[in-house]
Amino acid sequence: MTMSREQSGREQQMRTDMETGFTDQAWAVGMVLCPARENCVSTFGLRALYKPLKNGRVPMHRGTFGDPCPGAYKKPATPPLQLRPSP
């Protein structure tokens, strides 16, 4: 299924917001983004969040066809997410 340009833009904006290290979602606190960015094979694409391993690296994740992600077991490019401070 192909995303519309509008959906793709929203997903990219969501990823950009999370790359600042902050989120509005309490469930996402402490999670990290895959450092592979657009090359991540996860079915969640740019929005994929992972609970970091004890060593701080991104856990193994695979695509639909079982291909390992190039970002697996690498250090995330951003710190774990925190709640966005109130203005």
N, C-alpha and C. Protein backbone atom coordinates (compact mmCIF):
# COMPACT_ATOMS: atom_id res chain seq x y z
N MET A 1 0.85 -1.18 0.00
CA MET A 1 0.00 0.00 0.00
C MET A 1 0.89 1.24 0.00
N THR A 2 0.63 2.14 -0.89
CA THR A 2 1.42 3.35 -1.03
C THR A 2 0.77 4.49 -0.24
N MET A 3 1.61 5.25 0.44
CA MET A 3 1.10 6.39 1.20
C MET A 3 0.92 7.59 0.28
N SER A 4 -0.08 8.38 0.60
CA SER A 4 -0.27 9.61 -0.15
C SER A 4 0.84 10.59 0.24
N ARG A 5 0.99 11.61 -0.53
CA ARG A 5 2.01 12.63 -0.25
C ARG A 5 1.74 13.27 1.12
N GLU A 6 0.45 13.48 1.43
CA GLU A 6 0.08 14.08 2.71
C GLU A 6 0.45 13.16 3.88
N GLN A 7 0.17 11.86 3.75
CA GLN A 7 0.52 10.90 4.82
C GLN A 7 2.02 10.82 5.00
N SER A 8 2.74 10.80 3.90
CA SER A 8 4.19 10.74 3.95
C SER A 8 4.75 11.99 4.63
N GLY A 9 4.17 13.13 4.32
CA GLY A 9 4.60 14.38 4.94
C GLY A 9 4.35 14.39 6.44
N ARG A 10 3.18 13.85 6.86
CA ARG A 10 2.87 13.78 8.29
C ARG A 10 3.84 12.84 9.01
N GLU A 11 4.15 11.72 8.38
CA GLU A 11 5.08 10.77 8.99
C GLU A 11 6.47 11.40 9.12
N GLN A 12 6.91 12.10 8.11
CA GLN A 12 8.21 12.77 8.15
C GLN A 12 8.22 13.84 9.24
N GLN A 13 7.11 14.59 9.39
CA GLN A 13 7.03 15.62 10.43
C GLN A 13 7.07 14.98 11.81
N MET A 14 6.38 13.83 11.97
CA MET A 14 6.38 13.14 13.26
C MET A 14 7.80 12.69 13.61
N ARG A 15 8.52 12.17 12.63
CA ARG A 15 9.89 11.73 12.85
C ARG A 15 10.77 12.92 13.22
N THR A 16 10.62 14.03 12.52
CA THR A 16 11.40 15.23 12.80
C THR A 16 11.15 15.72 14.22
N ASP A 17 9.88 15.70 14.64
CA ASP A 17 9.54 16.12 16.00
C ASP A 17 10.23 15.21 17.02
N MET A 18 10.22 13.89 16.78
CA MET A 18 10.83 12.95 17.72
C MET A 18 12.35 13.07 17.75
N GLU A 19 12.94 13.48 16.63
CA GLU A 19 14.39 13.64 16.58
C GLU A 19 14.89 14.77 17.48
N THR A 20 14.01 15.65 17.89
CA THR A 20 14.40 16.71 18.83
C THR A 20 14.63 16.13 20.23
N GLY A 21 14.18 14.87 20.44
CA GLY A 21 14.36 14.21 21.73
C GLY A 21 13.15 14.34 22.64
N PHE A 22 12.09 14.95 22.13
CA PHE A 22 10.88 15.14 22.93
C PHE A 22 9.66 14.57 22.23
N THR A 23 8.68 14.19 23.04
CA THR A 23 7.43 13.66 22.53
C THR A 23 6.28 14.16 23.40
N ASP A 24 5.08 14.11 22.84
CA ASP A 24 3.88 14.44 23.60
C ASP A 24 3.21 13.18 24.12
N GLN A 25 3.72 12.02 23.76
CA GLN A 25 3.13 10.74 24.12
C GLN A 25 3.87 10.11 25.31
N ALA A 26 3.16 9.94 26.43
CA ALA A 26 3.78 9.38 27.64
C ALA A 26 4.31 7.97 27.42
N TRP A 27 3.63 7.18 26.59
CA TRP A 27 4.07 5.80 26.37
C TRP A 27 5.41 5.72 25.65
N ALA A 28 5.80 6.78 24.96
CA ALA A 28 7.04 6.77 24.17
C ALA A 28 8.27 7.23 24.96
N VAL A 29 8.08 7.66 26.20
CA VAL A 29 9.21 8.13 27.01
C VAL A 29 10.20 6.98 27.21
N GLY A 30 11.48 7.27 26.96
CA GLY A 30 12.54 6.28 27.10
C GLY A 30 12.81 5.47 25.84
N MET A 31 11.95 5.58 24.86
CA MET A 31 12.12 4.84 23.60
C MET A 31 13.11 5.59 22.70
N VAL A 32 13.68 4.87 21.74
CA VAL A 32 14.62 5.46 20.79
C VAL A 32 14.17 5.18 19.36
N LEU A 33 14.67 5.98 18.45
CA LEU A 33 14.38 5.83 17.03
C LEU A 33 15.47 4.98 16.37
N CYS A 34 15.09 4.27 15.32
CA CYS A 34 16.08 3.50 14.56
C CYS A 34 17.00 4.47 13.82
N PRO A 35 18.32 4.28 13.93
CA PRO A 35 19.24 5.19 13.24
C PRO A 35 19.27 5.00 11.72
N ALA A 36 18.62 3.97 11.19
CA ALA A 36 18.64 3.74 9.74
C ALA A 36 17.73 4.70 8.98
N ARG A 37 16.88 5.45 9.71
CA ARG A 37 15.96 6.42 9.11
C ARG A 37 15.13 5.82 7.98
N GLU A 38 15.20 6.35 6.77
CA GLU A 38 14.39 5.88 5.66
C GLU A 38 14.74 4.45 5.23
N ASN A 39 15.90 3.97 5.60
CA ASN A 39 16.32 2.62 5.23
C ASN A 39 15.86 1.56 6.22
N CYS A 40 15.15 1.97 7.27
CA CYS A 40 14.64 1.02 8.25
C CYS A 40 13.61 0.13 7.57
N VAL A 41 13.73 -1.18 7.76
CA VAL A 41 12.83 -2.12 7.11
C VAL A 41 11.58 -2.41 7.93
N SER A 42 11.46 -1.81 9.10
CA SER A 42 10.30 -2.02 9.95
C SER A 42 9.03 -1.62 9.22
N THR A 43 7.96 -2.33 9.49
CA THR A 43 6.67 -2.00 8.87
C THR A 43 6.15 -0.66 9.36
N PHE A 44 6.72 -0.12 10.46
CA PHE A 44 6.32 1.18 10.97
C PHE A 44 7.12 2.31 10.34
N GLY A 45 8.13 1.99 9.56
CA GLY A 45 8.90 2.99 8.84
C GLY A 45 9.56 4.02 9.74
N LEU A 46 9.43 5.28 9.38
CA LEU A 46 10.10 6.36 10.11
C LEU A 46 9.59 6.51 11.53
N ARG A 47 8.39 5.99 11.82
CA ARG A 47 7.80 6.16 13.14
C ARG A 47 8.22 5.07 14.12
N ALA A 48 9.03 4.13 13.70
CA ALA A 48 9.38 2.99 14.54
C ALA A 48 10.16 3.42 15.78
N LEU A 49 9.65 3.05 16.94
CA LEU A 49 10.30 3.33 18.22
C LEU A 49 10.64 2.01 18.89
N TYR A 50 11.76 1.99 19.59
CA TYR A 50 12.21 0.76 20.23
C TYR A 50 12.68 1.04 21.65
N LYS A 51 12.46 0.07 22.53
CA LYS A 51 13.01 0.15 23.88
C LYS A 51 14.48 -0.22 23.74
N PRO A 52 15.40 0.65 24.16
CA PRO A 52 16.82 0.35 23.96
C PRO A 52 17.26 -0.85 24.80
N LEU A 53 18.27 -1.55 24.28
CA LEU A 53 18.87 -2.66 25.01
C LEU A 53 19.66 -2.10 26.20
N LYS A 54 20.14 -2.96 27.08
CA LYS A 54 20.89 -2.51 28.26
C LYS A 54 22.14 -1.72 27.88
N ASN A 55 22.71 -2.02 26.72
CA ASN A 55 23.90 -1.29 26.28
C ASN A 55 23.55 0.00 25.52
N GLY A 56 22.25 0.34 25.46
CA GLY A 56 21.80 1.57 24.83
C GLY A 56 21.58 1.48 23.33
N ARG A 57 21.81 0.32 22.76
CA ARG A 57 21.66 0.16 21.30
C ARG A 57 20.23 -0.23 20.93
N VAL A 58 19.92 -0.08 19.65
CA VAL A 58 18.60 -0.42 19.12
C VAL A 58 18.52 -1.94 18.98
N PRO A 59 17.42 -2.57 19.43
CA PRO A 59 17.31 -4.03 19.30
C PRO A 59 17.14 -4.48 17.85
N MET A 60 17.30 -5.78 17.64
CA MET A 60 17.11 -6.37 16.31
C MET A 60 15.65 -6.18 15.91
N HIS A 61 15.43 -5.79 14.69
CA HIS A 61 14.09 -5.75 14.12
C HIS A 61 14.21 -6.07 12.64
N ARG A 62 13.17 -6.66 12.12
CA ARG A 62 13.19 -7.15 10.75
C ARG A 62 12.01 -6.59 9.96
N GLY A 63 12.13 -6.66 8.66
CA GLY A 63 11.06 -6.23 7.78
C GLY A 63 10.06 -7.33 7.55
N THR A 64 9.11 -7.07 6.71
CA THR A 64 8.04 -8.01 6.39
C THR A 64 8.58 -9.33 5.87
N PHE A 65 9.64 -9.30 5.12
CA PHE A 65 10.18 -10.52 4.51
C PHE A 65 11.34 -11.10 5.32
N GLY A 66 11.52 -10.65 6.55
CA GLY A 66 12.55 -11.20 7.42
C GLY A 66 13.93 -10.60 7.28
N ASP A 67 14.05 -9.58 6.44
CA ASP A 67 15.35 -8.94 6.26
C ASP A 67 15.71 -8.13 7.50
N PRO A 68 16.93 -8.31 8.04
CA PRO A 68 17.32 -7.51 9.22
C PRO A 68 17.52 -6.05 8.83
N CYS A 69 17.20 -5.18 9.76
CA CYS A 69 17.34 -3.75 9.52
C CYS A 69 18.81 -3.34 9.64
N PRO A 70 19.28 -2.43 8.78
CA PRO A 70 20.67 -1.97 8.89
C PRO A 70 20.92 -1.16 10.17
N GLY A 71 19.87 -0.73 10.85
CA GLY A 71 20.03 0.03 12.09
C GLY A 71 20.03 -0.84 13.35
N ALA A 72 19.79 -2.13 13.19
CA ALA A 72 19.73 -3.03 14.34
C ALA A 72 21.09 -3.12 15.03
N TYR A 73 21.07 -3.12 16.35
CA TYR A 73 22.26 -3.23 17.21
C TYR A 73 23.21 -2.04 17.09
N LYS A 74 22.73 -0.95 16.52
CA LYS A 74 23.55 0.26 16.43
C LYS A 74 23.08 1.27 17.46
N LYS A 75 23.94 2.23 17.77
CA LYS A 75 23.56 3.28 18.71
C LYS A 75 22.56 4.21 18.03
N PRO A 76 21.51 4.59 18.76
CA PRO A 76 20.55 5.53 18.15
C PRO A 76 21.19 6.89 17.92
N ALA A 77 20.69 7.58 16.92
CA ALA A 77 21.23 8.91 16.59
C ALA A 77 20.71 9.99 17.53
N THR A 78 19.66 9.70 18.28
CA THR A 78 19.06 10.67 19.19
C THR A 78 18.98 10.06 20.59
N PRO A 79 18.90 10.90 21.62
CA PRO A 79 18.76 10.36 22.98
C PRO A 79 17.37 9.77 23.18
N PRO A 80 17.18 8.98 24.24
CA PRO A 80 15.83 8.47 24.54
C PRO A 80 14.84 9.63 24.68
N LEU A 81 13.63 9.40 24.21
CA LEU A 81 12.61 10.45 24.21
C LEU A 81 12.20 10.84 25.63
N GLN A 82 11.89 12.12 25.80
CA GLN A 82 11.38 12.68 27.04
C GLN A 82 10.08 13.41 26.72
N LEU A 83 9.26 13.60 27.74
CA LEU A 83 8.04 14.39 27.53
C LEU A 83 8.42 15.83 27.24
N ARG A 84 7.71 16.41 26.29
CA ARG A 84 7.95 17.81 25.93
C ARG A 84 7.57 18.70 27.12
N PRO A 85 8.44 19.63 27.51
CA PRO A 85 8.11 20.51 28.63
C PRO A 85 6.91 21.40 28.31
N SER A 86 6.14 21.70 29.33
CA SER A 86 4.99 22.60 29.17
C SER A 86 5.48 24.02 28.93
N PRO A 87 4.79 24.75 28.05
CA PRO A 87 5.22 26.14 27.77
C PRO A 87 4.96 27.07 28.93
